[in-house]
């Protein structure tokens, strides 16, 4: 699968700059075979990195911390949602 955004592999890390949440989630779903539902702003931009072998919980925790989201796992599917203010 080809992606139209920049996520670079360097020394065992995926690195990205100003990638939309939409694109990043598409990449994570494809790369790690995750099932993710979300009811959040998918246009938010993220910059960061994660280790290839970091695991799904580590990767998703970085995303939710960066965007102040909730994440829970229900029936094998991750659900991302906006935190109640």
PDB file of N, CA and C in Angstrom:
ATOM      1  N   UNK A   1       0.848  -1.185   0.000  1.00  0.00           N
ATOM      2  CA  UNK A   1       0.000   0.000   0.000  1.00  0.00           C
ATOM      3  C   UNK A   1       0.884   1.236   0.000  1.00  0.00           C
ATOM      4  N   UNK A   2       0.517   2.234  -0.794  1.00  0.00           N
ATOM      5  CA  UNK A   2       1.265   3.490  -0.829  1.00  0.00           C
ATOM      6  C   UNK A   2       0.503   4.559  -0.060  1.00  0.00           C
ATOM      7  N   UNK A   3       1.271   5.407   0.635  1.00  0.00           N
ATOM      8  CA  UNK A   3       0.687   6.498   1.388  1.00  0.00           C
ATOM      9  C   UNK A   3       1.167   7.815   0.806  1.00  0.00           C
ATOM     10  N   UNK A   4       0.313   8.822   0.811  1.00  0.00           N
ATOM     11  CA  UNK A   4       0.633  10.119   0.234  1.00  0.00           C
ATOM     12  C   UNK A   4       1.108  11.113   1.289  1.00  0.00           C
ATOM     13  N   UNK A   5       1.887  10.668   2.232  1.00  0.00           N
ATOM     14  CA  UNK A   5       2.415  11.539   3.272  1.00  0.00           C
ATOM     15  C   UNK A   5       3.753  10.979   3.708  1.00  0.00           C
ATOM     16  N   UNK A   6       4.465  11.744   4.505  1.00  0.00           N
ATOM     17  CA  UNK A   6       5.820  11.367   4.882  1.00  0.00           C
ATOM     18  C   UNK A   6       5.896  10.730   6.262  1.00  0.00           C
ATOM     19  N   UNK A   7       6.130   9.455   6.257  1.00  0.00           N
ATOM     20  CA  UNK A   7       6.526   8.740   7.468  1.00  0.00           C
ATOM     21  C   UNK A   7       7.805   8.023   7.080  1.00  0.00           C
ATOM     22  N   UNK A   8       8.873   8.375   7.745  1.00  0.00           N
ATOM     23  CA  UNK A   8      10.188   7.854   7.388  1.00  0.00           C
ATOM     24  C   UNK A   8      10.660   6.820   8.400  1.00  0.00           C
ATOM     25  N   UNK A   9      11.332   5.825   7.893  1.00  0.00           N
ATOM     26  CA  UNK A   9      11.939   4.778   8.705  1.00  0.00           C
ATOM     27  C   UNK A   9      13.392   5.152   8.931  1.00  0.00           C
ATOM     28  N   UNK A  10      13.822   5.197  10.198  1.00  0.00           N
ATOM     29  CA  UNK A  10      15.199   5.548  10.511  1.00  0.00           C
ATOM     30  C   UNK A  10      15.600   4.862  11.813  1.00  0.00           C
ATOM     31  N   UNK A  11      16.580   3.984  11.747  1.00  0.00           N
ATOM     32  CA  UNK A  11      17.107   3.308  12.936  1.00  0.00           C
ATOM     33  C   UNK A  11      16.025   2.649  13.791  1.00  0.00           C
ATOM     34  N   UNK A  12      15.121   1.929  13.153  1.00  0.00           N
ATOM     35  CA  UNK A  12      14.089   1.202  13.893  1.00  0.00           C
ATOM     36  C   UNK A  12      12.922   2.056  14.333  1.00  0.00           C
ATOM     37  N   UNK A  13      12.839   3.288  13.848  1.00  0.00           N
ATOM     38  CA  UNK A  13      11.775   4.222  14.217  1.00  0.00           C
ATOM     39  C   UNK A  13      11.022   4.713  12.996  1.00  0.00           C
ATOM     40  N   UNK A  14       9.729   4.895  13.168  1.00  0.00           N
ATOM     41  CA  UNK A  14       8.927   5.619  12.194  1.00  0.00           C
ATOM     42  C   UNK A  14       8.892   7.067  12.665  1.00  0.00           C
ATOM     43  N   UNK A  15       9.300   7.996  11.813  1.00  0.00           N
ATOM     44  CA  UNK A  15       9.300   9.419  12.153  1.00  0.00           C
ATOM     45  C   UNK A  15       8.378  10.154  11.197  1.00  0.00           C
ATOM     46  N   UNK A  16       7.658  11.139  11.721  1.00  0.00           N
ATOM     47  CA  UNK A  16       6.703  11.882  10.904  1.00  0.00           C
ATOM     48  C   UNK A  16       6.613  13.323  11.392  1.00  0.00           C
ATOM     49  N   UNK A  17       6.346  14.229  10.445  1.00  0.00           N
ATOM     50  CA  UNK A  17       6.241  15.656  10.733  1.00  0.00           C
ATOM     51  C   UNK A  17       4.962  16.178  10.086  1.00  0.00           C
ATOM     52  N   UNK A  18       4.128  16.815  10.890  1.00  0.00           N
ATOM     53  CA  UNK A  18       2.875  17.414  10.420  1.00  0.00           C
ATOM     54  C   UNK A  18       2.040  16.454   9.578  1.00  0.00           C
ATOM     55  N   UNK A  19       1.836  15.259  10.098  1.00  0.00           N
ATOM     56  CA  UNK A  19       0.986  14.254   9.453  1.00  0.00           C
ATOM     57  C   UNK A  19      -0.384  14.327  10.129  1.00  0.00           C
ATOM     58  N   UNK A  20      -1.439  14.329   9.336  1.00  0.00           N
ATOM     59  CA  UNK A  20      -2.787  14.395   9.921  1.00  0.00           C
ATOM     60  C   UNK A  20      -3.091  13.117  10.697  1.00  0.00           C
ATOM     61  N   UNK A  21      -3.945  13.263  11.691  1.00  0.00           N
ATOM     62  CA  UNK A  21      -4.372  12.091  12.461  1.00  0.00           C
ATOM     63  C   UNK A  21      -5.003  11.069  11.525  1.00  0.00           C
ATOM     64  N   UNK A  22      -5.740  11.530  10.541  1.00  0.00           N
ATOM     65  CA  UNK A  22      -6.368  10.650   9.559  1.00  0.00           C
ATOM     66  C   UNK A  22      -5.324   9.769   8.873  1.00  0.00           C
ATOM     67  N   UNK A  23      -4.269  10.395   8.366  1.00  0.00           N
ATOM     68  CA  UNK A  23      -3.215   9.647   7.673  1.00  0.00           C
ATOM     69  C   UNK A  23      -2.440   8.746   8.628  1.00  0.00           C
ATOM     70  N   UNK A  24      -2.147   9.257   9.821  1.00  0.00           N
ATOM     71  CA  UNK A  24      -1.394   8.455  10.785  1.00  0.00           C
ATOM     72  C   UNK A  24      -2.182   7.219  11.211  1.00  0.00           C
ATOM     73  N   UNK A  25      -3.471   7.387  11.453  1.00  0.00           N
ATOM     74  CA  UNK A  25      -4.291   6.224  11.827  1.00  0.00           C
ATOM     75  C   UNK A  25      -4.394   5.228  10.685  1.00  0.00           C
ATOM     76  N   UNK A  26      -4.510   5.712   9.446  1.00  0.00           N
ATOM     77  CA  UNK A  26      -4.525   4.801   8.303  1.00  0.00           C
ATOM     78  C   UNK A  26      -3.233   3.987   8.252  1.00  0.00           C
ATOM     79  N   UNK A  27      -2.103   4.646   8.494  1.00  0.00           N
ATOM     80  CA  UNK A  27      -0.810   3.969   8.489  1.00  0.00           C
ATOM     81  C   UNK A  27      -0.730   2.942   9.617  1.00  0.00           C
ATOM     82  N   UNK A  28      -1.119   3.335  10.815  1.00  0.00           N
ATOM     83  CA  UNK A  28      -1.052   2.433  11.979  1.00  0.00           C
ATOM     84  C   UNK A  28      -1.978   1.238  11.770  1.00  0.00           C
ATOM     85  N   UNK A  29      -3.167   1.479  11.248  1.00  0.00           N
ATOM     86  CA  UNK A  29      -4.099   0.379  10.973  1.00  0.00           C
ATOM     87  C   UNK A  29      -3.482  -0.610   9.991  1.00  0.00           C
ATOM     88  N   UNK A  30      -2.882  -0.096   8.942  1.00  0.00           N
ATOM     89  CA  UNK A  30      -2.272  -0.950   7.919  1.00  0.00           C
ATOM     90  C   UNK A  30      -1.029  -1.671   8.460  1.00  0.00           C
ATOM     91  N   UNK A  31      -0.122  -0.916   9.054  1.00  0.00           N
ATOM     92  CA  UNK A  31       1.173  -1.458   9.491  1.00  0.00           C
ATOM     93  C   UNK A  31       1.025  -2.482  10.610  1.00  0.00           C
ATOM     94  N   UNK A  32       0.081  -2.266  11.524  1.00  0.00           N
ATOM     95  CA  UNK A  32      -0.046  -3.124  12.707  1.00  0.00           C
ATOM     96  C   UNK A  32      -1.323  -3.958  12.703  1.00  0.00           C
ATOM     97  N   UNK A  33      -2.150  -3.828  11.676  1.00  0.00           N
ATOM     98  CA  UNK A  33      -3.368  -4.632  11.579  1.00  0.00           C
ATOM     99  C   UNK A  33      -4.380  -4.332  12.672  1.00  0.00           C
ATOM    100  N   UNK A  34      -4.447  -3.073  13.090  1.00  0.00           N
ATOM    101  CA  UNK A  34      -5.361  -2.701  14.166  1.00  0.00           C
ATOM    102  C   UNK A  34      -6.719  -2.302  13.628  1.00  0.00           C
ATOM    103  N   UNK A  35      -7.712  -2.497  14.452  1.00  0.00           N
ATOM    104  CA  UNK A  35      -9.062  -2.038  14.164  1.00  0.00           C
ATOM    105  C   UNK A  35      -9.306  -0.852  15.082  1.00  0.00           C
ATOM    106  N   UNK A  36      -9.460   0.349  14.497  1.00  0.00           N
ATOM    107  CA  UNK A  36      -9.591   1.574  15.280  1.00  0.00           C
ATOM    108  C   UNK A  36     -10.807   2.345  14.795  1.00  0.00           C
ATOM    109  N   UNK A  37     -11.668   2.714  15.735  1.00  0.00           N
ATOM    110  CA  UNK A  37     -12.777   3.621  15.465  1.00  0.00           C
ATOM    111  C   UNK A  37     -12.471   4.923  16.180  1.00  0.00           C
ATOM    112  N   UNK A  38     -12.926   6.028  15.609  1.00  0.00           N
ATOM    113  CA  UNK A  38     -12.677   7.300  16.254  1.00  0.00           C
ATOM    114  C   UNK A  38     -13.810   8.272  15.974  1.00  0.00           C
ATOM    115  N   UNK A  39     -14.037   9.133  16.946  1.00  0.00           N
ATOM    116  CA  UNK A  39     -15.018  10.209  16.811  1.00  0.00           C
ATOM    117  C   UNK A  39     -14.318  11.505  17.181  1.00  0.00           C
ATOM    118  N   UNK A  40     -13.186  11.746  16.535  1.00  0.00           N
ATOM    119  CA  UNK A  40     -12.345  12.896  16.851  1.00  0.00           C
ATOM    120  C   UNK A  40     -11.995  13.642  15.567  1.00  0.00           C
ATOM    121  N   UNK A  41     -11.384  14.812  15.728  1.00  0.00           N
ATOM    122  CA  UNK A  41     -10.943  15.621  14.590  1.00  0.00           C
ATOM    123  C   UNK A  41      -9.774  14.929  13.914  1.00  0.00           C
ATOM    124  N   UNK A  42     -10.014  14.349  12.774  1.00  0.00           N
ATOM    125  CA  UNK A  42      -8.964  13.605  12.067  1.00  0.00           C
ATOM    126  C   UNK A  42      -8.029  14.520  11.288  1.00  0.00           C
ATOM    127  N   UNK A  43      -8.294  15.831  11.288  1.00  0.00           N
ATOM    128  CA  UNK A  43      -7.425  16.776  10.597  1.00  0.00           C
ATOM    129  C   UNK A  43      -6.291  17.288  11.475  1.00  0.00           C
ATOM    130  N   UNK A  44      -6.314  16.986  12.767  1.00  0.00           N
ATOM    131  CA  UNK A  44      -5.253  17.429  13.678  1.00  0.00           C
ATOM    132  C   UNK A  44      -3.900  16.928  13.165  1.00  0.00           C
ATOM    133  N   UNK A  45      -2.872  17.775  13.256  1.00  0.00           N
ATOM    134  CA  UNK A  45      -1.543  17.407  12.772  1.00  0.00           C
ATOM    135  C   UNK A  45      -0.660  16.925  13.921  1.00  0.00           C
ATOM    136  N   UNK A  46       0.137  15.916  13.627  1.00  0.00           N
ATOM    137  CA  UNK A  46       1.029  15.331  14.629  1.00  0.00           C
ATOM    138  C   UNK A  46       2.453  15.265  14.092  1.00  0.00           C
ATOM    139  N   UNK A  47       3.393  15.465  14.990  1.00  0.00           N
ATOM    140  CA  UNK A  47       4.811  15.298  14.704  1.00  0.00           C
ATOM    141  C   UNK A  47       5.375  14.419  15.806  1.00  0.00           C
ATOM    142  N   UNK A  48       6.145  13.421  15.445  1.00  0.00           N
ATOM    143  CA  UNK A  48       6.715  12.553  16.461  1.00  0.00           C
ATOM    144  C   UNK A  48       7.356  11.325  15.856  1.00  0.00           C
ATOM    145  N   UNK A  49       7.520  10.320  16.694  1.00  0.00           N
ATOM    146  CA  UNK A  49       8.103   9.068  16.241  1.00  0.00           C
ATOM    147  C   UNK A  49       7.678   7.945  17.180  1.00  0.00           C
ATOM    148  N   UNK A  50       7.804   6.732  16.687  1.00  0.00           N
ATOM    149  CA  UNK A  50       7.604   5.566  17.534  1.00  0.00           C
ATOM    150  C   UNK A  50       8.438   4.421  16.984  1.00  0.00           C
ATOM    151  N   UNK A  51       8.826   3.555  17.890  1.00  0.00           N
ATOM    152  CA  UNK A  51       9.604   2.384  17.514  1.00  0.00           C
ATOM    153  C   UNK A  51       8.721   1.390  16.786  1.00  0.00           C
ATOM    154  N   UNK A  52       9.289   0.718  15.804  1.00  0.00           N
ATOM    155  CA  UNK A  52       8.516  -0.279  15.061  1.00  0.00           C
ATOM    156  C   UNK A  52       7.982  -1.366  15.988  1.00  0.00           C
ATOM    157  N   UNK A  53       8.779  -1.756  16.965  1.00  0.00           N
ATOM    158  CA  UNK A  53       8.370  -2.838  17.876  1.00  0.00           C
ATOM    159  C   UNK A  53       7.779  -2.309  19.185  1.00  0.00           C
ATOM    160  N   UNK A  54       7.357  -1.060  19.197  1.00  0.00           N
ATOM    161  CA  UNK A  54       6.825  -0.446  20.417  1.00  0.00           C
ATOM    162  C   UNK A  54       5.511  -1.070  20.866  1.00  0.00           C
ATOM    163  N   UNK A  55       4.757  -1.584  19.953  1.00  0.00           N
ATOM    164  CA  UNK A  55       3.488  -2.210  20.307  1.00  0.00           C
ATOM    165  C   UNK A  55       2.340  -1.237  20.203  1.00  0.00           C
ATOM    166  N   UNK A  56       1.173  -1.797  19.983  1.00  0.00           N
ATOM    167  CA  UNK A  56      -0.005  -0.972  19.738  1.00  0.00           C
ATOM    168  C   UNK A  56      -0.370  -0.071  20.904  1.00  0.00           C
ATOM    169  N   UNK A  57      -0.238  -0.555  22.141  1.00  0.00           N
ATOM    170  CA  UNK A  57      -0.587   0.279  23.293  1.00  0.00           C
ATOM    171  C   UNK A  57       0.340   1.487  23.406  1.00  0.00           C
ATOM    172  N   UNK A  58       1.629   1.286  23.160  1.00  0.00           N
ATOM    173  CA  UNK A  58       2.584   2.389  23.227  1.00  0.00           C
ATOM    174  C   UNK A  58       2.341   3.423  22.150  1.00  0.00           C
ATOM    175  N   UNK A  59       2.067   2.969  20.954  1.00  0.00           N
ATOM    176  CA  UNK A  59       1.819   3.886  19.835  1.00  0.00           C
ATOM    177  C   UNK A  59       0.540   4.677  20.072  1.00  0.00           C
ATOM    178  N   UNK A  60      -0.532   4.002  20.427  1.00  0.00           N
ATOM    179  CA  UNK A  60      -1.797   4.695  20.650  1.00  0.00           C
ATOM    180  C   UNK A  60      -1.726   5.624  21.852  1.00  0.00           C
ATOM    181  N   UNK A  61      -0.964   5.262  22.881  1.00  0.00           N
ATOM    182  CA  UNK A  61      -0.844   6.150  24.044  1.00  0.00           C
ATOM    183  C   UNK A  61      -0.155   7.452  23.659  1.00  0.00           C
ATOM    184  N   UNK A  62       0.816   7.404  22.755  1.00  0.00           N
ATOM    185  CA  UNK A  62       1.464   8.637  22.285  1.00  0.00           C
ATOM    186  C   UNK A  62       0.478   9.517  21.529  1.00  0.00           C
ATOM    187  N   UNK A  63      -0.352   8.907  20.714  1.00  0.00           N
ATOM    188  CA  UNK A  63      -1.341   9.668  19.951  1.00  0.00           C
ATOM    189  C   UNK A  63      -2.357  10.314  20.888  1.00  0.00           C
ATOM    190  N   UNK A  64      -2.902   9.544  21.816  1.00  0.00           N
ATOM    191  CA  UNK A  64      -3.940  10.100  22.696  1.00  0.00           C
ATOM    192  C   UNK A  64      -3.377  11.149  23.642  1.00  0.00           C
ATOM    193  N   UNK A  65      -2.137  10.981  24.098  1.00  0.00           N
ATOM    194  CA  UNK A  65      -1.525  12.003  24.951  1.00  0.00           C
ATOM    195  C   UNK A  65      -1.271  13.281  24.169  1.00  0.00           C
ATOM    196  N   UNK A  66      -0.826  13.161  22.944  1.00  0.00           N
ATOM    197  CA  UNK A  66      -0.532  14.333  22.123  1.00  0.00           C
ATOM    198  C   UNK A  66      -1.783  15.154  21.823  1.00  0.00           C
ATOM    199  N   UNK A  67      -2.919  14.485  21.658  1.00  0.00           N
ATOM    200  CA  UNK A  67      -4.151  15.171  21.266  1.00  0.00           C
ATOM    201  C   UNK A  67      -5.184  15.237  22.391  1.00  0.00           C
ATOM    202  N   UNK A  68      -4.794  14.811  23.595  1.00  0.00           N
ATOM    203  CA  UNK A  68      -5.688  14.843  24.758  1.00  0.00           C
ATOM    204  C   UNK A  68      -6.993  14.083  24.474  1.00  0.00           C
ATOM    205  N   UNK A  69      -6.835  12.818  24.080  1.00  0.00           N
ATOM    206  CA  UNK A  69      -7.972  11.961  23.746  1.00  0.00           C
ATOM    207  C   UNK A  69      -8.110  10.834  24.754  1.00  0.00           C
ATOM    208  N   UNK A  70      -9.218  10.155  24.691  1.00  0.00           N
ATOM    209  CA  UNK A  70      -9.440   8.904  25.417  1.00  0.00           C
ATOM    210  C   UNK A  70      -9.229   7.745  24.458  1.00  0.00           C
ATOM    211  N   UNK A  71      -8.787   6.619  24.993  1.00  0.00           N
ATOM    212  CA  UNK A  71      -8.655   5.408  24.199  1.00  0.00           C
ATOM    213  C   UNK A  71      -9.074   4.226  25.053  1.00  0.00           C
ATOM    214  N   UNK A  72      -9.967   3.425  24.518  1.00  0.00           N
ATOM    215  CA  UNK A  72     -10.346   2.196  25.221  1.00  0.00           C
ATOM    216  C   UNK A  72     -10.458   1.082  24.200  1.00  0.00           C
ATOM    217  N   UNK A  73     -10.311  -0.130  24.692  1.00  0.00           N
ATOM    218  CA  UNK A  73     -10.389  -1.300  23.823  1.00  0.00           C
ATOM    219  C   UNK A  73     -11.674  -2.043  24.143  1.00  0.00           C
ATOM    220  N   UNK A  74     -12.488  -2.242  23.103  1.00  0.00           N
ATOM    221  CA  UNK A  74     -13.762  -2.939  23.255  1.00  0.00           C
ATOM    222  C   UNK A  74     -13.867  -4.014  22.189  1.00  0.00           C
ATOM    223  N   UNK A  75     -14.012  -5.239  22.606  1.00  0.00           N
ATOM    224  CA  UNK A  75     -14.194  -6.354  21.673  1.00  0.00           C
ATOM    225  C   UNK A  75     -13.106  -6.402  20.605  1.00  0.00           C
ATOM    226  N   UNK A  76     -11.856  -6.193  21.006  1.00  0.00           N
ATOM    227  CA  UNK A  76     -10.729  -6.272  20.086  1.00  0.00           C
ATOM    228  C   UNK A  76     -10.530  -5.048  19.216  1.00  0.00           C
ATOM    229  N   UNK A  77     -11.332  -4.011  19.429  1.00  0.00           N
ATOM    230  CA  UNK A  77     -11.254  -2.782  18.635  1.00  0.00           C
ATOM    231  C   UNK A  77     -10.908  -1.621  19.559  1.00  0.00           C
ATOM    232  N   UNK A  78      -9.993  -0.758  19.085  1.00  0.00           N
ATOM    233  CA  UNK A  78      -9.662   0.453  19.832  1.00  0.00           C
ATOM    234  C   UNK A  78     -10.642   1.548  19.457  1.00  0.00           C
ATOM    235  N   UNK A  79     -11.072   2.305  20.462  1.00  0.00           N
ATOM    236  CA  UNK A  79     -11.992   3.413  20.234  1.00  0.00           C
ATOM    237  C   UNK A  79     -11.346   4.680  20.779  1.00  0.00           C
ATOM    238  N   UNK A  80     -11.116   5.656  19.894  1.00  0.00           N
ATOM    239  CA  UNK A  80     -10.559   6.945  20.278  1.00  0.00           C
ATOM    240  C   UNK A  80     -11.691   7.952  20.332  1.00  0.00           C
ATOM    241  N   UNK A  81     -11.715   8.754  21.406  1.00  0.00           N
ATOM    242  CA  UNK A  81     -12.759   9.770  21.548  1.00  0.00           C
ATOM    243  C   UNK A  81     -12.193  10.992  22.241  1.00  0.00           C
ATOM    244  N   UNK A  82     -12.894  12.093  22.085  1.00  0.00           N
ATOM    245  CA  UNK A  82     -12.490  13.341  22.718  1.00  0.00           C
ATOM    246  C   UNK A  82     -12.748  13.239  24.213  1.00  0.00           C
ATOM    247  N   UNK A  83     -11.819  13.771  25.011  1.00  0.00           N
ATOM    248  CA  UNK A  83     -12.027  13.790  26.455  1.00  0.00           C
ATOM    249  C   UNK A  83     -13.110  14.788  26.804  1.00  0.00           C
ATOM    250  N   UNK A  84     -13.917  14.422  27.802  1.00  0.00           N
ATOM    251  CA  UNK A  84     -14.927  15.369  28.288  1.00  0.00           C
ATOM    252  C   UNK A  84     -14.218  16.519  28.983  1.00  0.00           C
ATOM    253  N   UNK A  85     -14.644  17.701  28.682  1.00  0.00           N
ATOM    254  CA  UNK A  85     -13.994  18.892  29.257  1.00  0.00           C
ATOM    255  C   UNK A  85     -14.654  19.274  30.540  1.00  0.00           C
TER     256      UNK A  85
END
